[in-house]
Amino acid sequence: VGCEKEPSSYMWIYIFLGNMLRGIGETPIAPLGISYLDDFAKEEDVPVYVACLHTIAMLGPMFGFLLGSLCAKLYVDIGFVDLGSITITPQDSRWVGAWWLGFLIGGVTSFLAAIPFCFLPKSLKNLEEANNDKSSHGLLENMVMPCIFQSQLIYPFLSDFYTSLKKVLSNRMYFTFLCCSLLQFSSFIGFLTYKPKYMEQQYGQSTSKSNFLIGLTSLPPVGVGIFLGGLIMKKYKMGIIGATKFAFTMSFLAYVFSLLQFFVGCENHVVAGITVSYE
């Protein structure tokens, strides 16, 4: 019997390019947005504003999981086939949800959300008088202005960038915070990636229900915690040392509570070749 050629699709190329463009567009929001708030907001109000920014950023994944739950209930070829002829259900292991629909809805929503940015002013009045003592403004002025708007050369920009990066990484407190953030985000991303699959395999839940439960129970508490942290920092007017102690205490408590998950679990399913022999 001759081997049949497997069908191939180049759809992954479009998904790859789309995610790359999305990443390029989303990258300036976090660093420039926080710098913008730090430059033009009162110092005691900055923690609340930054907390609001990160809280809204957490709402995106939550709605993404809920949208993924909805799309997973729809058949992958919705709009192209007669749904009445489909004999399998979302609980069937052969079911493939409309995964592509989430990308389409997310792309249109991102495009609409980008329109208001076109109406922001290029510069604010009294920019130099706003916060002359802010280090972020001085860094931006010394790094970007001479290199882009004056000389139009790439080499001075790279030279100043290297000097600024060296100064930032030589700050022991910032470097420690950066390492802690890398560990936290790595664990959090692993949690979001594999927890739905674990729920499907261990508890027999459908893909739709797993995404729904993750989006509804895991992400909202994180957003509430970020917002409450900003309010606490504003109320007690924490400085760098106070904020560092506060972050260390909360991270340590979160680590202790995370250890409790080792005592919760179910017996593994019997899988031939993994937990038992093929015989």
Protein backbone atom coordinates (compact mmCIF):
# COMPACT_ATOMS: atom_id res chain seq x y z
CA VAL A 1 0.00 0.00 0.00
CA GLY A 2 1.44 3.32 -1.03
CA CYS A 3 1.94 6.01 1.57
CA GLU A 4 -0.48 8.88 1.36
CA LYS A 5 0.95 12.35 1.40
CA GLU A 6 -0.05 14.18 4.53
CA PRO A 7 -1.87 17.48 3.95
CA SER A 8 0.31 20.49 4.61
CA SER A 9 -0.70 24.00 5.57
CA TYR A 10 1.25 27.24 5.67
CA MET A 11 -1.18 28.88 8.08
CA TRP A 12 1.50 28.81 10.80
CA ILE A 13 3.49 31.38 8.80
CA TYR A 14 0.64 33.90 9.01
CA ILE A 15 0.23 33.20 12.72
CA PHE A 16 3.96 33.64 13.25
CA LEU A 17 4.09 36.95 11.36
CA GLY A 18 0.93 38.19 13.09
CA ASN A 19 2.32 37.45 16.55
CA MET A 20 5.60 39.11 15.62
CA LEU A 21 3.85 42.29 14.49
CA ARG A 22 1.67 42.22 17.59
CA GLY A 23 4.75 41.94 19.79
CA ILE A 24 6.40 44.88 18.02
CA GLY A 25 3.29 46.99 18.55
CA GLU A 26 2.78 46.01 22.19
CA THR A 27 6.39 46.41 23.32
CA PRO A 28 6.42 50.25 23.67
CA ILE A 29 3.26 50.30 25.80
CA ALA A 30 4.78 48.98 29.02
CA PRO A 31 8.13 50.84 29.21
CA LEU A 32 6.97 54.08 27.58
CA GLY A 33 3.60 54.02 29.30
CA ILE A 34 5.14 53.66 32.76
CA SER A 35 7.73 56.32 31.96
CA TYR A 36 4.93 58.61 30.74
CA LEU A 37 3.03 58.16 34.01
CA ASP A 38 6.17 58.66 36.06
CA ASP A 39 7.01 61.92 34.29
CA PHE A 40 3.61 63.63 34.27
CA ALA A 41 1.84 62.32 37.39
CA LYS A 42 2.27 63.25 41.02
CA GLU A 43 4.81 61.11 42.77
CA GLU A 44 2.33 59.79 45.35
CA ASP A 45 -0.16 58.86 42.59
CA VAL A 46 2.27 56.94 40.36
CA PRO A 47 1.91 53.56 42.19
CA VAL A 48 -1.87 53.62 41.76
CA TYR A 49 -1.66 54.54 38.09
CA VAL A 50 0.95 51.87 37.39
CA ALA A 51 -1.17 49.35 39.31
CA CYS A 52 -4.18 50.29 37.17
CA LEU A 53 -2.07 49.80 34.03
CA HIS A 54 -0.95 46.32 35.09
CA THR A 55 -4.44 45.40 36.31
CA ILE A 56 -5.91 46.22 32.91
CA ALA A 57 -3.10 44.19 31.34
CA MET A 58 -4.23 41.20 33.41
CA LEU A 59 -7.82 41.59 32.24
CA GLY A 60 -6.68 40.87 28.67
CA PRO A 61 -5.57 37.28 29.33
CA MET A 62 -8.70 36.71 31.42
CA PHE A 63 -10.99 37.71 28.57
CA GLY A 64 -8.69 35.78 26.23
CA PHE A 65 -9.29 32.56 28.15
CA LEU A 66 -13.04 33.24 28.20
CA LEU A 67 -12.96 33.91 24.46
CA GLY A 68 -10.94 30.74 23.94
CA SER A 69 -13.54 28.82 25.94
CA LEU A 70 -16.26 30.15 23.65
CA CYS A 71 -14.33 29.41 20.46
CA ALA A 72 -13.49 25.90 21.65
CA LYS A 73 -17.22 25.12 21.72
CA LEU A 74 -17.52 26.03 18.03
CA TYR A 75 -16.40 23.59 15.35
CA VAL A 76 -13.17 24.48 13.58
CA ASP A 77 -14.82 24.73 10.14
CA ILE A 78 -17.74 26.87 11.30
CA GLY A 79 -19.14 28.82 8.38
CA PHE A 80 -17.76 26.37 5.84
CA VAL A 81 -19.58 23.15 6.69
CA ASP A 82 -23.08 22.19 7.69
CA LEU A 83 -22.95 21.95 11.49
CA GLY A 84 -25.94 19.62 11.43
CA SER A 85 -23.79 16.97 9.78
CA ILE A 86 -21.24 17.01 12.64
CA THR A 87 -21.74 13.92 14.77
CA ILE A 88 -19.09 14.56 17.45
CA THR A 89 -19.35 16.91 20.44
CA PRO A 90 -16.81 19.10 22.28
CA GLN A 91 -16.40 16.30 24.83
CA ASP A 92 -15.06 14.01 22.10
CA SER A 93 -11.27 13.77 21.87
CA ARG A 94 -11.51 14.20 18.09
CA TRP A 95 -13.20 17.60 18.45
CA VAL A 96 -11.22 20.59 17.16
CA GLY A 97 -12.53 24.01 18.18
CA ALA A 98 -12.45 27.21 16.11
CA TRP A 99 -9.01 28.22 17.32
CA TRP A 100 -8.56 30.70 14.46
CA LEU A 101 -11.61 32.73 15.46
CA GLY A 102 -9.86 34.07 18.57
CA PHE A 103 -7.01 35.47 16.48
CA LEU A 104 -9.49 37.21 14.19
CA ILE A 105 -11.47 38.77 17.02
CA GLY A 106 -8.31 39.73 18.91
CA GLY A 107 -6.78 41.35 15.82
CA VAL A 108 -9.84 43.45 15.09
CA THR A 109 -10.08 44.50 18.75
CA SER A 110 -6.40 45.47 18.85
CA PHE A 111 -6.82 47.53 15.70
CA LEU A 112 -9.78 49.41 17.14
CA ALA A 113 -7.97 49.96 20.44
CA ALA A 114 -4.98 51.46 18.60
CA ILE A 115 -7.05 54.19 16.92
CA PRO A 116 -7.23 56.50 20.01
CA PHE A 117 -3.42 56.55 20.20
CA CYS A 118 -3.40 58.44 16.91
CA PHE A 119 -5.06 61.41 18.62
CA LEU A 120 -2.58 61.75 21.48
CA PRO A 121 -0.47 64.95 21.32
CA LYS A 122 3.08 64.63 20.14
CA SER A 123 4.29 66.57 23.19
CA LEU A 124 2.77 68.11 26.29
CA LYS A 125 2.99 71.72 27.37
CA ASN A 126 5.65 72.59 29.89
CA LEU A 127 7.33 69.25 29.30
CA GLU A 128 10.66 70.36 30.74
CA GLU A 129 9.05 71.94 33.80
CA ALA A 130 6.90 68.89 34.55
CA ASN A 131 9.51 66.80 36.36
CA ASN A 132 13.02 68.07 35.81
CA ASP A 133 14.39 65.91 38.58
CA LYS A 134 13.04 62.61 37.26
CA SER A 135 15.81 60.23 36.34
CA SER A 136 13.70 58.61 33.64
CA HIS A 137 13.26 61.94 31.87
CA GLY A 138 16.98 62.65 32.06
CA LEU A 139 17.77 59.22 30.68
CA LEU A 140 15.33 59.70 27.82
CA GLU A 141 16.71 63.14 27.04
CA ASN A 142 20.34 62.07 27.13
CA MET A 143 19.78 58.88 25.21
CA VAL A 144 17.16 59.54 22.56
CA MET A 145 17.33 63.25 21.77
CA PRO A 146 20.99 63.59 20.79
CA CYS A 147 21.05 60.34 18.85
CA ILE A 148 17.81 60.45 16.89
CA PHE A 149 16.73 64.07 16.57
CA GLN A 150 20.14 65.72 16.30
CA SER A 151 22.72 63.48 14.70
CA GLN A 152 20.47 60.91 12.99
CA LEU A 153 23.27 58.38 13.47
CA ILE A 154 22.84 54.89 14.82
CA TYR A 155 26.30 54.52 16.35
CA PRO A 156 25.95 57.21 19.06
CA PHE A 157 22.60 55.72 19.98
CA LEU A 158 24.11 52.28 20.48
CA SER A 159 27.01 53.74 22.45
CA ASP A 160 24.71 55.66 24.81
CA PHE A 161 22.40 52.66 25.09
CA TYR A 162 25.28 50.43 26.16
CA THR A 163 26.38 52.99 28.77
CA SER A 164 22.87 53.34 30.15
CA LEU A 165 22.34 49.56 30.20
CA LYS A 166 25.62 49.08 32.07
CA LYS A 167 24.57 51.62 34.71
CA VAL A 168 21.18 50.01 35.15
CA LEU A 169 22.51 46.45 35.47
CA SER A 170 25.20 47.58 37.92
CA ASN A 171 22.44 48.60 40.33
CA ARG A 172 22.31 45.65 42.73
CA MET A 173 18.74 46.27 43.85
CA TYR A 174 17.42 46.53 40.30
CA PHE A 175 19.38 43.50 39.13
CA THR A 176 18.02 41.42 42.03
CA PHE A 177 14.51 42.57 41.23
CA LEU A 178 15.06 41.67 37.57
CA CYS A 179 16.15 38.14 38.45
CA CYS A 180 13.15 37.67 40.76
CA SER A 181 10.81 38.92 38.04
CA LEU A 182 12.27 36.44 35.56
CA LEU A 183 11.63 33.56 37.98
CA GLN A 184 8.10 34.72 38.75
CA PHE A 185 7.08 35.22 35.14
CA SER A 186 8.62 31.91 34.11
CA SER A 187 6.57 30.04 36.69
CA PHE A 188 3.43 32.02 35.92
CA ILE A 189 3.67 31.39 32.18
CA GLY A 190 4.23 27.68 32.81
CA PHE A 191 1.17 27.67 35.03
CA LEU A 192 -1.04 29.26 32.37
CA THR A 193 0.35 27.00 29.65
CA TYR A 194 0.01 23.60 31.30
CA LYS A 195 -2.75 24.03 33.87
CA PRO A 196 -5.60 23.76 31.30
CA LYS A 197 -4.04 20.59 29.86
CA TYR A 198 -3.64 19.16 33.33
CA MET A 199 -7.31 19.82 34.06
CA GLU A 200 -8.29 18.12 30.81
CA GLN A 201 -6.22 15.01 31.43
CA GLN A 202 -6.54 14.66 35.19
CA TYR A 203 -10.16 15.68 35.73
CA GLY A 204 -11.66 14.84 32.36
CA GLN A 205 -12.73 18.40 31.56
CA SER A 206 -13.25 19.71 28.05
CA THR A 207 -10.94 22.31 26.54
CA SER A 208 -13.70 24.89 26.68
CA LYS A 209 -14.41 24.37 30.38
CA SER A 210 -10.72 24.27 31.29
CA ASN A 211 -10.05 27.63 29.65
CA PHE A 212 -13.17 29.08 31.25
CA LEU A 213 -12.14 27.99 34.75
CA ILE A 214 -8.57 29.24 34.35
CA GLY A 215 -9.67 32.63 33.06
CA LEU A 216 -12.32 33.04 35.74
CA THR A 217 -10.46 31.82 38.83
CA SER A 218 -6.74 32.43 38.29
CA LEU A 219 -6.27 35.82 36.63
CA PRO A 220 -8.80 38.09 38.44
CA PRO A 221 -7.13 37.57 41.85
CA VAL A 222 -3.81 38.59 40.31
CA GLY A 223 -5.33 41.80 38.94
CA VAL A 224 -6.97 42.58 42.30
CA GLY A 225 -3.67 41.97 44.07
CA ILE A 226 -1.80 44.34 41.76
CA PHE A 227 -4.39 47.08 42.29
CA LEU A 228 -4.40 46.63 46.08
CA GLY A 229 -0.60 46.75 46.10
CA GLY A 230 -0.70 50.13 44.37
CA LEU A 231 -3.24 51.47 46.88
CA ILE A 232 -1.13 50.25 49.84
CA MET A 233 2.00 51.89 48.42
CA LYS A 234 0.13 55.17 47.98
CA LYS A 235 -1.45 55.09 51.43
CA TYR A 236 1.80 54.46 53.29
CA LYS A 237 3.89 56.53 50.84
CA MET A 238 6.53 53.85 50.45
CA GLY A 239 9.94 54.69 49.15
CA ILE A 240 12.32 52.37 47.34
CA ILE A 241 13.40 50.55 50.52
CA GLY A 242 9.84 50.26 51.82
CA ALA A 243 8.55 49.00 48.47
CA THR A 244 11.39 46.46 48.34
CA LYS A 245 10.57 45.09 51.80
CA PHE A 246 6.87 45.00 50.90
CA ALA A 247 7.54 43.12 47.65
CA PHE A 248 9.86 40.65 49.40
CA THR A 249 7.31 39.91 52.11
CA MET A 250 4.46 39.35 49.67
CA SER A 251 6.60 37.21 47.36
CA PHE A 252 7.77 35.06 50.29
CA LEU A 253 4.18 34.52 51.48
CA ALA A 254 3.12 33.61 47.93
CA TYR A 255 5.96 31.09 47.77
CA VAL A 256 4.90 29.52 51.08
CA PHE A 257 1.30 29.19 49.95
CA SER A 258 2.43 27.74 46.62
CA LEU A 259 4.19 24.92 48.50
CA LEU A 260 0.80 23.76 49.76
CA GLN A 261 -0.02 22.57 46.24
CA PHE A 262 2.36 19.64 46.75
CA PHE A 263 -0.12 18.19 49.21
CA VAL A 264 -3.08 18.41 46.81
CA GLY A 265 -3.52 16.09 43.85
CA CYS A 266 -5.03 12.93 42.44
CA GLU A 267 -3.64 9.58 41.48
CA ASN A 268 -2.14 9.42 38.01
CA HIS A 269 -4.08 7.73 35.26
CA VAL A 270 -2.88 4.36 34.04
CA VAL A 271 -0.98 4.99 30.79
CA ALA A 272 0.59 2.12 28.89
CA GLY A 273 4.30 2.57 28.46
CA ILE A 274 4.53 5.30 31.13
CA THR A 275 2.95 4.17 34.39
CA VAL A 276 2.47 0.50 33.46
CA SER A 277 4.04 -1.83 30.92
CA TYR A 278 2.47 -2.50 27.54
CA GLU A 279 1.68 -6.03 28.63
